[in-house]
Amino acid sequence: MMKRFPKSILIALPIALGIAFAQATPDESPCAVVVKSGKGSQVIPPQGKVQVHFPDNAAVACGSMVITHEEPFWIKGSDLTLVKIAPHSFVEVPKFKSSLWHLYRGELLVSAPPGISTQTWSTPNSESEFKGGVAWIQYDATGRKSTVACFNRTFEFKNKFNGDAKQTVSAGEMSKLSITAEQVLPSQPVVMAPESVASTVKMLGLPKEDTDELVSIVKRVYDDRSKSLVSEVTEWDHLDEQKEQNRAPASVPAKKVHSPIDVKEADFVNDMLKAHLYGEDEPTGPSRAPASVGQKQKISDTEKTRQEQKLKQETKRIEKEIDRLNPDQAE
């Protein structure tokens, strides 16, 4: 015979279940666990008390606020995303079934397997699409500046207030964005310098081997970009040489013959040519001595012949004048 429960129990059971479901709201479900706690860190869940003590694998509810003070604080999401938060930072964990993270202040290093769903990392003035890999994000609340750096995958970085204003930050690159009342100040992605990586991630409390790995990643990218740039410059030089060759005639150029030229002799010959062309109205220039004894003799003979011809012409002219003035021959 089936046992009957008292009516009071049947009434109380649904009420108890309703209270239990009401207390376990989606945002209170654990979305992450604590991997490494830091002194002065706080986790503020959507409901309930503020957490300041964190045993191993302490749950972090969806939608919680994480505030760090003196030391870094690491949490691991249910999708295996590892977030290493630096001191003096303020981060909001995604709400239930959401992939939107918020960084309101400070900096963090996020790493995740390449196969994860796309996450959106938001700062007060930017949004970035993260699809796995390793990336560093910072928001400077004083300067209102967002900075992102990627280590082994691409990162889409955009202005939060203009979805069309975006850029792709590739592995080994860093980019910045600041928005003031006067203007938007974006920067183009630039390759990170390997020597600056260690100081950039110093506040995150990374093990030495992790820091060394990040430095080596950036160094490889830096070296590859440098080699690529050298190769491009060399190719440009080669193309310039090719253009010069294409401008040259098709035939084989003759060899250049370097023969000595006597400047004085050349000037003297030039003067003689002018005298031959222009006669008495020739342009005059300073007389120059020839370069050798043989040349002196030639120049002297030429001058003598010239003077003789001039004398003959002058004689003929005078004879004509005399004939014209002769009374016997006058009409």
Foldseek 3Di string as FASTA:
>chain_A
DDDDDDPVVVVVVVVVVVVVDVVPDQQQPFFKFWQDDDQPKWKAGPDDDIDDDHDHRHGHGAFIKIAFADAWTWMAGPQRKIKQFFHGWIKTHHGGPAQEIETAAGKIKIAHAQCDDWHWYDYPWKIKTDRGAIKMWGAHPVQRKIKIAGAAAKMWIATPVDPVGIDIAGHQWMWMWHDDPVGIDTDDIDGDDLVCQCVVCVRRPDDPVVSVVSSVSSVVVVVVVVVVVVVVVVVVVVVVVVVVVVVDDPDDDDDDDDDDDDPLVVVVVVQVVQCVVPPPPGDDDDHGQDDDPVVNVVVVVVVVVVVVVVVVVVVVVVVVVVCDVDVVPDD
